[in-house]
Amino acid sequence: ALTTACRAPLLTLREPMLRHSLQQPAIILIRPQMGENIGAAARAMWNFGLDHMRIVDPRDGWPSQKAVAMASGAGRLLDEARLFDTTVEALADTTFVMATTARPRDLTKPVYSPEFAMGEAARRIHAGQKVAVMFGPERAGLENDDIIRANAIISVPVNSDFPSLNLAQCVLLLSYEWQRQVGEVGQPAAQVTKSEWASGLEVEKLAEHFEQRLDTAGFFFPETKAASMKVHLRNLWSRMPLTKADVQMLHGTMRQMVRWKERG
């Protein structure tokens, strides 16, 4: 299974890295289980010029001496990595998220090859978006609760009889494709929209607003199907390329509908 992790900000990024990281995707490891794998992932990233790592709830705690030992010359990535408690917090400032997974999912999302995914990442970053790639825990990969917050899935064409990739292997594969793609993308393109893209946190708040209002209205019925309906609704939001203006309008639409019903 492919891999990923995250937790609430603990370490502060230095200014030089902040400037550099705006021009590359954030590599997010969700609940990684071994420090050695985190260190190997950092080394794989730095081999291809990536240094923006985020870690969510690592099983063996943080910082990790085993990670430092395995990272070798890429130890500074671990020094400047950001730690989060939850996937939601790690994605709060992102505008486009891709999730790596080796297993078929019952979620309607575009599926990208590693090559296309990194080309898309480069195009979106050049257009002013903040892109992230999630990798799941070593043993089972990302859970659906993580994947529903992604805008697209990255699927690696591996041997169907042995589809499991080590975390660092998967990070290396995507990092290589990133380095290969960035030289093929032209100068930064002007952003097409007049409004900025909505962040992950803004989309999360919008999803919560709709879910709460629909719950009050009795939409999630019967109760036995409520959880599945909520997952599909969250998945709907993640597939939409929303701007800040879109989010504000949808919040306003829902508030106005509630006021109209109360007046009636």
Protein backbone atom coordinates (compact mmCIF):
# COMPACT_ATOMS: atom_id res chain seq x y z
CA ALA A 1 0.00 0.00 0.00
CA LEU A 2 1.21 3.54 -0.60
CA THR A 3 1.94 5.84 2.31
CA THR A 4 1.25 9.26 4.11
CA ALA A 5 1.24 11.27 7.53
CA CYS A 6 0.35 14.58 9.49
CA ARG A 7 0.04 16.69 12.90
CA ALA A 8 -0.53 20.35 14.22
CA PRO A 9 2.28 22.82 13.50
CA LEU A 10 5.20 22.21 15.83
CA LEU A 11 8.34 23.21 13.97
CA THR A 12 8.65 26.58 12.26
CA LEU A 13 9.82 26.76 8.67
CA ARG A 14 12.71 29.15 8.01
CA GLU A 15 12.06 32.03 5.66
CA PRO A 16 14.36 30.85 2.82
CA MET A 17 12.56 27.53 2.71
CA LEU A 18 9.13 29.16 2.80
CA ARG A 19 9.97 31.10 -0.34
CA HIS A 20 11.31 28.03 -2.09
CA SER A 21 8.44 25.76 -1.07
CA LEU A 22 5.86 28.01 -2.69
CA GLN A 23 7.23 26.76 -6.02
CA GLN A 24 6.82 23.05 -5.25
CA PRO A 25 4.21 20.63 -3.89
CA ALA A 26 4.08 19.85 -0.19
CA ILE A 27 4.85 16.17 0.48
CA ILE A 28 2.52 15.06 3.29
CA LEU A 29 3.16 11.80 5.15
CA ILE A 30 -0.03 10.66 6.87
CA ARG A 31 0.49 8.67 10.08
CA PRO A 32 3.86 7.15 9.07
CA GLN A 33 4.85 4.21 11.23
CA MET A 34 8.65 4.12 11.16
CA GLY A 35 11.20 6.88 11.57
CA GLU A 36 13.47 5.13 9.08
CA ASN A 37 10.83 5.49 6.36
CA ILE A 38 10.39 9.19 7.10
CA GLY A 39 14.15 9.70 6.83
CA ALA A 40 14.35 7.71 3.59
CA ALA A 41 11.45 9.76 2.18
CA ALA A 42 13.29 12.98 3.06
CA ARG A 43 16.40 11.71 1.27
CA ALA A 44 14.32 10.77 -1.79
CA MET A 45 12.75 14.23 -1.86
CA TRP A 46 16.06 16.07 -1.64
CA ASN A 47 17.54 13.91 -4.43
CA PHE A 48 15.11 15.71 -6.75
CA GLY A 49 15.01 19.18 -5.20
CA LEU A 50 11.92 18.88 -2.99
CA ASP A 51 12.18 20.09 0.60
CA HIS A 52 8.63 20.87 1.78
CA MET A 53 7.68 17.95 4.08
CA ARG A 54 4.68 17.77 6.38
CA ILE A 55 4.14 14.92 8.83
CA VAL A 56 0.78 13.91 10.35
CA ASP A 57 0.65 12.04 13.65
CA PRO A 58 3.72 9.78 13.30
CA ARG A 59 3.26 6.53 15.21
CA ASP A 60 6.61 6.63 17.01
CA GLY A 61 6.52 10.33 17.86
CA TRP A 62 8.63 13.26 16.69
CA PRO A 63 11.46 14.19 16.41
CA SER A 64 12.99 10.83 15.49
CA GLN A 65 16.68 9.97 15.67
CA LYS A 66 16.07 7.00 13.37
CA ALA A 67 14.67 9.36 10.76
CA VAL A 68 17.71 11.63 11.06
CA ALA A 69 20.12 8.71 10.70
CA MET A 70 18.35 7.42 7.57
CA ALA A 71 18.04 10.88 5.99
CA SER A 72 21.83 11.22 5.77
CA GLY A 73 22.56 14.53 4.01
CA ALA A 74 18.87 15.46 3.85
CA GLY A 75 18.54 16.02 7.60
CA ARG A 76 17.64 19.69 7.19
CA LEU A 77 14.31 18.65 5.62
CA LEU A 78 13.45 16.95 8.89
CA ASP A 79 14.60 19.98 10.92
CA GLU A 80 12.22 22.16 8.92
CA ALA A 81 9.38 19.65 8.51
CA ARG A 82 6.00 20.75 9.86
CA LEU A 83 4.14 18.46 12.26
CA PHE A 84 0.32 18.20 12.44
CA ASP A 85 -2.22 16.28 14.49
CA THR A 86 -4.74 15.72 11.71
CA THR A 87 -5.01 15.55 7.94
CA VAL A 88 -7.47 18.47 7.98
CA GLU A 89 -4.90 20.72 9.67
CA ALA A 90 -2.13 19.66 7.31
CA LEU A 91 -4.27 20.53 4.28
CA ALA A 92 -5.72 23.77 5.67
CA ASP A 93 -3.70 26.15 3.46
CA THR A 94 -3.65 23.99 0.31
CA THR A 95 -5.84 24.51 -2.75
CA PHE A 96 -5.29 21.27 -4.70
CA VAL A 97 -4.52 17.88 -3.15
CA MET A 98 -3.59 14.54 -4.70
CA ALA A 99 -3.66 11.25 -2.78
CA THR A 100 -1.51 8.21 -3.57
CA THR A 101 -3.26 4.85 -3.31
CA ALA A 102 -2.69 1.38 -4.73
CA ARG A 103 -6.19 0.08 -3.94
CA PRO A 104 -9.36 0.74 -5.96
CA ARG A 105 -11.76 3.02 -4.08
CA ASP A 106 -15.51 3.59 -4.30
CA LEU A 107 -14.92 7.32 -4.67
CA THR A 108 -15.53 9.28 -7.85
CA LYS A 109 -12.32 11.19 -8.45
CA PRO A 110 -10.00 11.72 -11.41
CA VAL A 111 -7.14 9.20 -11.41
CA TYR A 112 -3.72 10.41 -12.57
CA SER A 113 -0.53 8.61 -13.47
CA PRO A 114 2.57 9.87 -11.60
CA GLU A 115 3.77 11.64 -14.75
CA PHE A 116 0.47 13.44 -15.37
CA ALA A 117 0.06 14.22 -11.67
CA MET A 118 3.37 16.04 -11.39
CA GLY A 119 2.76 17.88 -14.66
CA GLU A 120 -0.59 19.00 -13.26
CA ALA A 121 1.11 20.01 -10.00
CA ALA A 122 3.61 22.15 -11.89
CA ARG A 123 0.89 23.84 -13.96
CA ARG A 124 -1.24 24.62 -10.92
CA ILE A 125 1.68 25.93 -8.85
CA HIS A 126 2.70 28.21 -11.71
CA ALA A 127 -0.89 29.47 -11.75
CA GLY A 128 -0.66 30.42 -8.06
CA GLN A 129 -2.18 27.37 -6.38
CA LYS A 130 -0.79 25.52 -3.36
CA VAL A 131 -0.48 21.83 -4.20
CA ALA A 132 0.03 18.88 -1.86
CA VAL A 133 0.59 15.14 -2.36
CA MET A 134 -0.49 12.76 0.41
CA PHE A 135 1.14 9.40 1.18
CA GLY A 136 -0.49 6.94 3.59
CA PRO A 137 0.78 4.70 6.42
CA GLU A 138 3.08 1.85 5.44
CA ARG A 139 0.80 -1.01 6.40
CA ALA A 140 -2.58 -0.09 4.93
CA GLY A 141 -2.22 3.17 3.03
CA LEU A 142 -4.56 6.13 3.20
CA GLU A 143 -8.01 5.76 4.70
CA ASN A 144 -11.12 6.94 2.87
CA ASP A 145 -11.50 9.75 5.42
CA ASP A 146 -8.18 11.13 4.14
CA ILE A 147 -8.84 10.47 0.46
CA ILE A 148 -12.22 12.23 0.39
CA ARG A 149 -10.32 15.46 1.08
CA ALA A 150 -8.18 15.02 -2.04
CA ASN A 151 -9.08 16.47 -5.42
CA ALA A 152 -7.51 13.61 -7.38
CA ILE A 153 -5.90 10.20 -6.94
CA ILE A 154 -2.45 9.15 -8.11
CA SER A 155 -2.25 5.51 -9.14
CA VAL A 156 1.10 3.88 -9.90
CA PRO A 157 1.09 1.15 -12.59
CA VAL A 158 2.64 -1.64 -10.49
CA ASN A 159 2.56 -5.43 -10.62
CA SER A 160 -1.01 -6.43 -9.70
CA ASP A 161 0.34 -9.51 -7.90
CA PHE A 162 2.55 -7.32 -5.70
CA PRO A 163 1.20 -3.74 -5.66
CA SER A 164 2.68 -2.64 -2.32
CA LEU A 165 5.28 0.13 -2.47
CA ASN A 166 7.50 1.19 0.40
CA LEU A 167 6.78 4.76 1.54
CA ALA A 168 10.19 6.06 0.47
CA GLN A 169 9.90 4.27 -2.89
CA CYS A 170 6.63 6.00 -3.61
CA VAL A 171 7.96 9.40 -2.54
CA LEU A 172 11.04 8.82 -4.72
CA LEU A 173 8.87 7.96 -7.73
CA LEU A 174 6.76 11.13 -7.43
CA SER A 175 9.81 13.28 -6.66
CA TYR A 176 11.54 12.01 -9.81
CA GLU A 177 8.47 12.82 -11.90
CA TRP A 178 8.34 16.30 -10.37
CA GLN A 179 11.95 17.01 -11.30
CA ARG A 180 11.34 15.63 -14.80
CA GLN A 181 8.23 17.75 -15.31
CA VAL A 182 9.34 21.14 -14.00
CA GLY A 183 11.79 21.63 -16.83
CA GLU A 184 8.96 21.08 -19.32
CA VAL A 185 6.65 23.78 -17.97
CA GLY A 186 7.02 27.32 -19.25
CA GLN A 187 7.10 30.57 -17.32
CA PRO A 188 4.54 31.03 -14.53
CA ALA A 189 1.13 31.61 -16.07
CA ALA A 190 -1.18 34.41 -15.02
CA GLN A 191 -3.99 33.22 -12.80
CA VAL A 192 -7.18 32.91 -14.79
CA THR A 193 -9.66 33.68 -12.02
CA LYS A 194 -10.13 37.10 -10.43
CA SER A 195 -10.59 35.47 -7.03
CA GLU A 196 -7.95 33.46 -5.18
CA TRP A 197 -8.39 29.72 -4.91
CA ALA A 198 -10.12 28.52 -1.75
CA SER A 199 -7.83 26.91 0.83
CA GLY A 200 -8.40 23.44 2.27
CA LEU A 201 -9.61 24.98 5.53
CA GLU A 202 -12.16 27.17 3.74
CA VAL A 203 -13.55 24.18 1.82
CA GLU A 204 -13.64 22.18 5.06
CA LYS A 205 -15.68 24.91 6.79
CA LEU A 206 -18.05 25.05 3.81
CA ALA A 207 -18.52 21.27 3.93
CA GLU A 208 -19.24 21.44 7.68
CA HIS A 209 -21.77 24.27 7.14
CA PHE A 210 -23.72 22.33 4.51
CA GLU A 211 -23.55 19.10 6.52
CA GLN A 212 -24.88 20.77 9.66
CA ARG A 213 -27.74 22.51 7.85
CA LEU A 214 -28.70 19.40 5.88
CA ASP A 215 -28.57 17.34 9.07
CA THR A 216 -30.97 19.79 10.75
CA ALA A 217 -33.27 19.59 7.72
CA GLY A 218 -33.40 15.79 7.95
CA PHE A 219 -31.61 15.27 4.64
CA PHE A 220 -29.44 12.38 5.85
CA PHE A 221 -32.17 9.73 5.87
CA PRO A 222 -32.48 6.86 6.55
CA GLU A 223 -30.02 6.89 9.44
CA THR A 224 -28.37 3.69 8.21
CA LYS A 225 -27.22 5.54 5.06
CA ALA A 226 -26.29 8.84 6.73
CA ALA A 227 -22.54 8.11 7.05
CA SER A 228 -22.28 7.06 3.40
CA MET A 229 -24.23 10.13 2.23
CA LYS A 230 -21.89 12.42 4.19
CA VAL A 231 -18.81 10.77 2.62
CA HIS A 232 -20.25 11.29 -0.87
CA LEU A 233 -21.05 14.92 -0.06
CA ARG A 234 -17.47 15.54 1.16
CA ASN A 235 -16.16 13.86 -1.95
CA LEU A 236 -18.30 16.22 -4.05
CA TRP A 237 -16.64 19.30 -2.52
CA SER A 238 -13.15 17.92 -3.07
CA ARG A 239 -13.82 17.47 -6.80
CA MET A 240 -14.80 21.13 -7.26
CA PRO A 241 -12.11 23.71 -8.12
CA LEU A 242 -13.54 26.33 -5.72
CA THR A 243 -12.38 29.93 -5.38
CA LYS A 244 -12.79 32.06 -2.25
CA ALA A 245 -15.66 33.85 -4.00
CA ASP A 246 -17.35 30.50 -4.74
CA VAL A 247 -17.11 29.52 -1.08
CA GLN A 248 -18.54 32.85 0.11
CA MET A 249 -21.43 32.58 -2.35
CA LEU A 250 -22.28 29.01 -1.29
CA HIS A 251 -22.19 29.98 2.40
CA GLY A 252 -24.50 32.90 1.59
CA THR A 253 -26.84 30.69 -0.44
CA MET A 254 -27.27 28.26 2.44
CA ARG A 255 -27.77 31.06 4.99
CA GLN A 256 -30.40 32.70 2.79
CA MET A 257 -32.27 29.41 2.32
CA VAL A 258 -32.37 28.93 6.10
CA ARG A 259 -33.63 32.52 6.65
CA TRP A 260 -36.30 32.03 3.97
CA LYS A 261 -37.54 28.85 5.66
CA GLU A 262 -37.60 30.53 9.08
CA ARG A 263 -39.60 33.46 7.72
CA GLY A 264 -42.06 31.04 6.17
